[in-house]
Amino acid sequence: MAADHTHVQEFFGARAADWDRKFPDDGPAYAAAVAELGLAAGDAVLDAGCGTGRALAPLRDAVGARGVVIGVDVTSEMLAEAVRAGRDRHAVLLRADVARLPLRPGSLDVVFGAGLISHLPEPAANLRELARVTRLGGRLALFHPIGRAALAARQGRTITDDDLRAEPRLRPLLASAGWRLLSYADEDARYLAVAVREG
């Protein structure tokens, strides 16, 4: 794993065992976000930065038995918790870096990333790597179970426009990496930005 992920691995590794207990009510928000993506039976989908795998069951339900669901995370403790929770039955789990995914170009229909973008060490390059493995016309969903303002309040900080998840910052960042922002929702109860892969 790359050295620039050390702080991410330390942060999430230390919290992995209690992660699901700390956020027990997020399941319906994950399911609702997945339902908005228009996944079809047989699609191939990546949960990038899957953590304990809370999106894996709804992703599997959406693509069915013929579909492909892959969960990738850099933190082995998070992946271990996903296995402990039985979520590995919904997906192939890989310990991998989103900067260098072990996937063929254009092999995915959808990339789902919950809480991902604020933890990317090189957001533009990392989003380009996600574009590389997604087919033209495929989609990227950046999700969080609560919006930016609610998350900032939870963390005791002030929301700013410097946040990569703010639409004025996110739209050009995505465009520079091969994505076009299709929809953007930043509400107390959810954050969901959906982009399409362009040439």
Protein backbone atom coordinates (compact mmCIF):
# COMPACT_ATOMS: atom_id res chain seq x y z
CA MET A 1 0.00 0.00 0.00
CA ALA A 2 1.17 3.51 -0.77
CA ALA A 3 2.68 5.59 2.03
CA ASP A 4 0.17 8.38 1.42
CA HIS A 5 -2.60 6.10 2.70
CA THR A 6 -0.97 5.55 6.08
CA HIS A 7 -3.09 8.15 7.89
CA VAL A 8 -6.29 6.74 6.33
CA GLN A 9 -5.35 3.21 7.36
CA GLU A 10 -4.50 4.33 10.89
CA PHE A 11 -7.72 6.35 11.25
CA PHE A 12 -10.07 3.66 9.97
CA GLY A 13 -8.08 0.72 11.30
CA ALA A 14 -8.43 2.02 14.85
CA ARG A 15 -12.19 2.52 14.41
CA ALA A 16 -13.11 -0.55 12.35
CA ALA A 17 -14.33 -2.77 15.21
CA ASP A 18 -16.86 -0.17 16.40
CA TRP A 19 -17.75 1.40 13.04
CA ASP A 20 -21.10 -0.27 12.45
CA ARG A 21 -22.15 0.15 16.08
CA LYS A 22 -21.30 3.85 15.93
CA PHE A 23 -23.54 4.39 12.88
CA PRO A 24 -26.30 1.78 13.29
CA ASP A 25 -29.03 3.63 11.40
CA ASP A 26 -27.24 4.26 8.08
CA GLY A 27 -28.47 1.11 6.30
CA PRO A 28 -31.64 2.59 4.78
CA ALA A 29 -29.70 5.60 3.46
CA TYR A 30 -27.25 3.28 1.69
CA ALA A 31 -30.10 1.24 0.19
CA ALA A 32 -31.91 4.39 -0.97
CA ALA A 33 -28.75 5.76 -2.64
CA VAL A 34 -28.12 2.48 -4.45
CA ALA A 35 -31.76 2.43 -5.61
CA GLU A 36 -31.24 5.81 -7.32
CA LEU A 37 -28.37 4.56 -9.49
CA GLY A 38 -30.46 2.63 -12.00
CA LEU A 39 -28.36 -0.52 -11.72
CA ALA A 40 -29.57 -3.40 -13.88
CA ALA A 41 -29.35 -7.17 -13.48
CA GLY A 42 -25.94 -8.32 -14.67
CA ASP A 43 -24.15 -5.00 -14.12
CA ALA A 44 -20.62 -4.84 -12.70
CA VAL A 45 -20.23 -2.45 -9.78
CA LEU A 46 -17.35 -1.41 -7.54
CA ASP A 47 -17.77 -0.18 -3.98
CA ALA A 48 -14.61 1.96 -3.76
CA GLY A 49 -13.50 2.42 -0.16
CA CYS A 50 -16.13 -0.10 0.92
CA GLY A 51 -15.16 -0.07 4.60
CA THR A 52 -17.28 -2.58 6.51
CA GLY A 53 -19.36 -3.20 3.40
CA ARG A 54 -22.66 -1.54 4.26
CA ALA A 55 -23.47 -0.95 0.57
CA LEU A 56 -22.66 -4.47 -0.59
CA ALA A 57 -26.03 -6.12 0.09
CA PRO A 58 -28.10 -3.45 -1.70
CA LEU A 59 -25.59 -3.45 -4.56
CA ARG A 60 -25.91 -7.25 -4.87
CA ASP A 61 -29.70 -7.00 -4.75
CA ALA A 62 -29.60 -4.44 -7.57
CA VAL A 63 -27.36 -6.42 -9.95
CA GLY A 64 -28.63 -9.88 -9.09
CA ALA A 65 -26.84 -13.21 -9.18
CA ARG A 66 -25.43 -12.58 -12.69
CA GLY A 67 -23.95 -9.24 -11.69
CA VAL A 68 -20.49 -8.54 -10.31
CA VAL A 69 -19.97 -6.71 -7.01
CA ILE A 70 -16.43 -5.84 -5.89
CA GLY A 71 -15.57 -4.14 -2.62
CA VAL A 72 -12.16 -2.47 -2.38
CA ASP A 73 -10.57 -0.87 0.67
CA VAL A 74 -7.01 -0.03 1.76
CA THR A 75 -7.72 -0.88 5.41
CA SER A 76 -7.48 -4.57 6.25
CA GLU A 77 -9.32 -4.07 9.55
CA MET A 78 -12.36 -2.65 7.74
CA LEU A 79 -12.38 -5.59 5.33
CA ALA A 80 -12.11 -7.99 8.28
CA GLU A 81 -15.20 -6.38 9.82
CA ALA A 82 -17.03 -6.77 6.49
CA VAL A 83 -16.22 -10.49 6.55
CA ARG A 84 -17.20 -10.75 10.23
CA ALA A 85 -20.58 -9.23 9.34
CA GLY A 86 -21.03 -11.77 6.54
CA ARG A 87 -20.99 -9.14 3.82
CA ASP A 88 -18.37 -11.03 1.81
CA ARG A 89 -21.20 -13.28 0.61
CA HIS A 90 -22.46 -10.33 -1.46
CA ALA A 91 -19.17 -9.35 -3.10
CA VAL A 92 -15.56 -10.12 -3.86
CA LEU A 93 -13.51 -8.16 -1.32
CA LEU A 94 -10.06 -6.87 -2.23
CA ARG A 95 -7.47 -4.96 -0.26
CA ALA A 96 -6.37 -2.47 -2.87
CA ASP A 97 -5.61 1.18 -3.49
CA VAL A 98 -8.06 3.21 -5.60
CA ALA A 99 -4.98 4.83 -7.17
CA ARG A 100 -4.03 1.47 -8.74
CA LEU A 101 -7.05 -0.78 -9.11
CA PRO A 102 -6.45 -4.38 -10.24
CA LEU A 103 -9.25 -4.10 -12.82
CA ARG A 104 -9.37 -3.97 -16.61
CA PRO A 105 -10.16 -0.68 -18.37
CA GLY A 106 -13.87 -0.17 -18.92
CA SER A 107 -14.84 -3.24 -16.91
CA LEU A 108 -17.38 -1.55 -14.61
CA ASP A 109 -20.85 -0.11 -15.10
CA VAL A 110 -20.98 1.81 -11.81
CA VAL A 111 -18.59 2.94 -9.10
CA PHE A 112 -20.10 3.65 -5.68
CA GLY A 113 -18.02 5.62 -3.17
CA ALA A 114 -19.39 6.30 0.32
CA GLY A 115 -17.39 8.95 2.17
CA LEU A 116 -14.64 8.38 -0.36
CA ILE A 117 -13.66 11.67 -1.91
CA SER A 118 -12.52 13.44 1.25
CA HIS A 119 -10.05 10.60 1.92
CA LEU A 120 -8.43 10.50 -1.54
CA PRO A 121 -4.78 11.61 -1.35
CA GLU A 122 -4.77 12.77 -4.99
CA PRO A 123 -8.44 13.38 -5.87
CA ALA A 124 -8.02 14.23 -9.56
CA ALA A 125 -5.67 11.32 -10.26
CA ASN A 126 -7.75 8.92 -8.17
CA LEU A 127 -10.96 9.93 -9.94
CA ARG A 128 -9.17 9.38 -13.26
CA GLU A 129 -8.31 5.87 -12.14
CA LEU A 130 -11.97 5.24 -11.32
CA ALA A 131 -12.81 6.56 -14.80
CA ARG A 132 -10.26 4.20 -16.36
CA VAL A 133 -12.04 1.13 -15.01
CA THR A 134 -15.54 2.40 -15.90
CA ARG A 135 -17.08 2.02 -19.35
CA LEU A 136 -18.13 5.08 -21.34
CA GLY A 137 -21.61 6.01 -20.14
CA GLY A 138 -21.01 4.31 -16.80
CA ARG A 139 -21.69 6.18 -13.58
CA LEU A 140 -19.94 7.30 -10.41
CA ALA A 141 -21.92 7.88 -7.22
CA LEU A 142 -20.31 9.82 -4.38
CA PHE A 143 -22.42 9.28 -1.29
CA HIS A 144 -22.60 10.07 2.40
CA PRO A 145 -25.53 9.18 4.68
CA ILE A 146 -25.73 12.77 5.89
CA GLY A 147 -25.10 16.06 4.10
CA ARG A 148 -22.10 18.33 4.37
CA ALA A 149 -23.61 20.74 6.92
CA ALA A 150 -24.85 17.93 9.17
CA LEU A 151 -21.48 16.19 8.99
CA ALA A 152 -19.62 19.40 9.82
CA ALA A 153 -21.90 19.96 12.83
CA ARG A 154 -21.31 16.37 13.99
CA GLN A 155 -17.55 16.94 13.76
CA GLY A 156 -17.69 20.36 15.44
CA ARG A 157 -16.42 22.31 12.45
CA THR A 158 -17.75 24.93 10.05
CA ILE A 159 -18.78 24.06 6.51
CA THR A 160 -16.65 25.77 3.85
CA ASP A 161 -16.66 26.09 0.07
CA ASP A 162 -13.12 24.64 0.06
CA ASP A 163 -14.67 21.21 0.68
CA LEU A 164 -14.13 19.02 -2.39
CA ARG A 165 -17.74 17.85 -2.03
CA ALA A 166 -19.09 21.39 -2.56
CA GLU A 167 -20.66 21.52 -6.01
CA PRO A 168 -18.53 24.46 -7.30
CA ARG A 169 -15.37 22.46 -6.49
CA LEU A 170 -16.67 19.01 -7.35
CA ARG A 171 -18.02 19.73 -10.84
CA PRO A 172 -14.68 20.91 -12.38
CA LEU A 173 -12.73 18.26 -10.45
CA LEU A 174 -14.90 15.53 -11.93
CA ALA A 175 -14.68 17.09 -15.41
CA SER A 176 -10.88 17.09 -15.24
CA ALA A 177 -10.98 13.36 -14.52
CA GLY A 178 -13.36 12.29 -17.29
CA TRP A 179 -16.69 12.58 -15.49
CA ARG A 180 -19.69 14.89 -16.03
CA LEU A 181 -21.82 15.69 -12.99
CA LEU A 182 -25.42 14.64 -13.63
CA SER A 183 -27.09 15.31 -10.30
CA TYR A 184 -26.14 16.77 -6.95
CA ALA A 185 -28.02 16.53 -3.64
CA ASP A 186 -26.61 17.91 -0.39
CA GLU A 187 -29.37 17.66 2.23
CA ASP A 188 -29.32 17.01 5.96
CA ALA A 189 -30.35 13.39 5.41
CA ARG A 190 -27.95 12.57 2.56
CA TYR A 191 -25.24 13.62 0.17
CA LEU A 192 -25.34 12.10 -3.31
CA ALA A 193 -23.49 13.30 -6.39
CA VAL A 194 -23.87 11.19 -9.55
CA ALA A 195 -21.60 11.60 -12.57
CA VAL A 196 -21.36 9.90 -15.97
CA ARG A 197 -18.15 8.67 -17.59
CA GLU A 198 -17.34 10.58 -20.74
CA GLY A 199 -14.59 10.19 -23.34
